[in-house]
């Protein structure tokens, strides 16, 4: 049976991986949408601005997962992970943490 301290470390690692996966997905989504536009007029339109914003939000979330303090990224992960659609990212993060623990 694990101690409370070990459970907290697992939760911190899961939160970091969750935020990293979510940020990476948003960066990829924004970049993919921008790369499929055929002309510069589409790239610098309202939709282009929305896709740039999605990519920038993904970059900020990824940087939070890597460089933020434990308290801040835990709050961010709790606030971000409250939507039902994000269960895929949470399950992927739990799976990655499980793999890390098995390799240890």
Protein backbone atom coordinates (compact mmCIF):
# COMPACT_ATOMS: atom_id res chain seq x y z
CA UNK A 1 0.00 0.00 0.00
CA UNK A 2 1.34 3.40 -0.90
CA UNK A 3 1.77 6.28 1.47
CA UNK A 4 0.04 9.62 1.07
CA UNK A 5 3.26 11.18 -0.17
CA UNK A 6 3.58 8.60 -2.97
CA UNK A 7 -0.03 9.17 -4.01
CA UNK A 8 0.58 12.93 -4.16
CA UNK A 9 3.63 12.40 -6.37
CA UNK A 10 1.58 10.22 -8.67
CA UNK A 11 -1.11 12.87 -8.87
CA UNK A 12 1.49 15.55 -9.62
CA UNK A 13 3.01 13.47 -12.39
CA UNK A 14 -0.40 12.66 -13.81
CA UNK A 15 -1.33 16.35 -13.76
CA UNK A 16 1.87 17.34 -15.55
CA UNK A 17 1.43 14.68 -18.23
CA UNK A 18 -2.26 15.59 -18.66
CA UNK A 19 -1.44 19.26 -19.24
CA UNK A 20 1.41 18.37 -21.58
CA UNK A 21 -0.82 16.09 -23.67
CA UNK A 22 -3.59 18.68 -23.82
CA UNK A 23 -1.20 21.46 -24.82
CA UNK A 24 0.48 19.30 -27.46
CA UNK A 25 -2.91 18.39 -28.90
CA UNK A 26 -3.96 22.04 -29.16
CA UNK A 27 -0.67 23.04 -30.79
CA UNK A 28 -1.05 20.23 -33.31
CA UNK A 29 -4.69 21.09 -33.99
CA UNK A 30 -3.89 24.76 -34.62
CA UNK A 31 -0.85 23.99 -36.78
CA UNK A 32 -2.72 21.38 -38.81
CA UNK A 33 -5.61 23.74 -39.47
CA UNK A 34 -3.23 26.51 -40.52
CA UNK A 35 -1.24 24.21 -42.79
CA UNK A 36 -4.32 23.14 -44.73
CA UNK A 37 -5.28 26.69 -45.69
CA UNK A 38 -4.60 27.32 -49.37
CA UNK A 39 -3.91 31.03 -49.47
CA UNK A 40 -2.53 33.81 -47.32
CA UNK A 41 -5.96 35.40 -47.26
CA UNK A 42 -7.34 32.38 -45.39
CA UNK A 43 -4.36 32.31 -43.05
CA UNK A 44 -4.84 35.95 -41.99
CA UNK A 45 -8.64 35.85 -41.75
CA UNK A 46 -10.83 35.45 -38.69
CA UNK A 47 -10.50 31.66 -38.85
CA UNK A 48 -6.73 32.00 -39.11
CA UNK A 49 -6.75 34.15 -35.99
CA UNK A 50 -8.82 31.53 -34.17
CA UNK A 51 -6.39 28.76 -35.15
CA UNK A 52 -3.40 30.89 -34.11
CA UNK A 53 -5.14 31.45 -30.77
CA UNK A 54 -5.69 27.71 -30.32
CA UNK A 55 -2.00 27.04 -31.01
CA UNK A 56 -0.90 29.79 -28.59
CA UNK A 57 -3.21 28.49 -25.85
CA UNK A 58 -1.71 25.03 -26.41
CA UNK A 59 1.80 26.49 -26.13
CA UNK A 60 0.92 28.24 -22.86
CA UNK A 61 -0.59 25.05 -21.41
CA UNK A 62 2.49 23.06 -22.44
CA UNK A 63 4.80 25.62 -20.85
CA UNK A 64 2.73 25.55 -17.66
CA UNK A 65 3.11 21.78 -17.51
CA UNK A 66 6.88 22.03 -17.86
CA UNK A 67 7.89 25.18 -16.00
CA UNK A 68 5.20 26.13 -13.48
CA UNK A 69 5.29 25.55 -9.76
CA UNK A 70 3.51 22.50 -8.33
CA UNK A 71 0.72 24.51 -6.78
CA UNK A 72 -0.02 26.48 -9.96
CA UNK A 73 -0.02 23.57 -12.40
CA UNK A 74 -2.13 21.45 -10.02
CA UNK A 75 -4.76 24.20 -9.91
CA UNK A 76 -4.57 24.53 -13.70
CA UNK A 77 -4.93 20.78 -14.22
CA UNK A 78 -7.92 20.63 -11.86
CA UNK A 79 -9.59 23.58 -13.59
CA UNK A 80 -8.83 22.27 -17.08
CA UNK A 81 -9.75 18.65 -16.46
CA UNK A 82 -13.32 19.33 -15.39
CA UNK A 83 -14.86 18.79 -18.85
CA UNK A 84 -16.13 15.38 -19.94
CA UNK A 85 -14.41 15.42 -23.34
CA UNK A 86 -10.99 15.60 -21.65
CA UNK A 87 -11.38 12.14 -20.13
CA UNK A 88 -9.40 10.81 -23.11
CA UNK A 89 -6.39 12.91 -22.10
CA UNK A 90 -6.77 11.98 -18.44
CA UNK A 91 -6.89 8.28 -19.30
CA UNK A 92 -3.83 8.66 -21.54
CA UNK A 93 -1.97 10.43 -18.72
CA UNK A 94 -2.90 7.69 -16.24
CA UNK A 95 -1.72 5.07 -18.74
CA UNK A 96 1.61 6.83 -19.25
CA UNK A 97 2.14 7.11 -15.49
CA UNK A 98 1.31 3.41 -15.12
CA UNK A 99 3.93 2.57 -17.76
CA UNK A 100 6.49 4.76 -15.99
CA UNK A 101 5.81 2.97 -12.71
CA UNK A 102 6.14 -0.47 -14.35
CA UNK A 103 9.49 0.48 -15.91
CA UNK A 104 10.82 1.72 -12.59
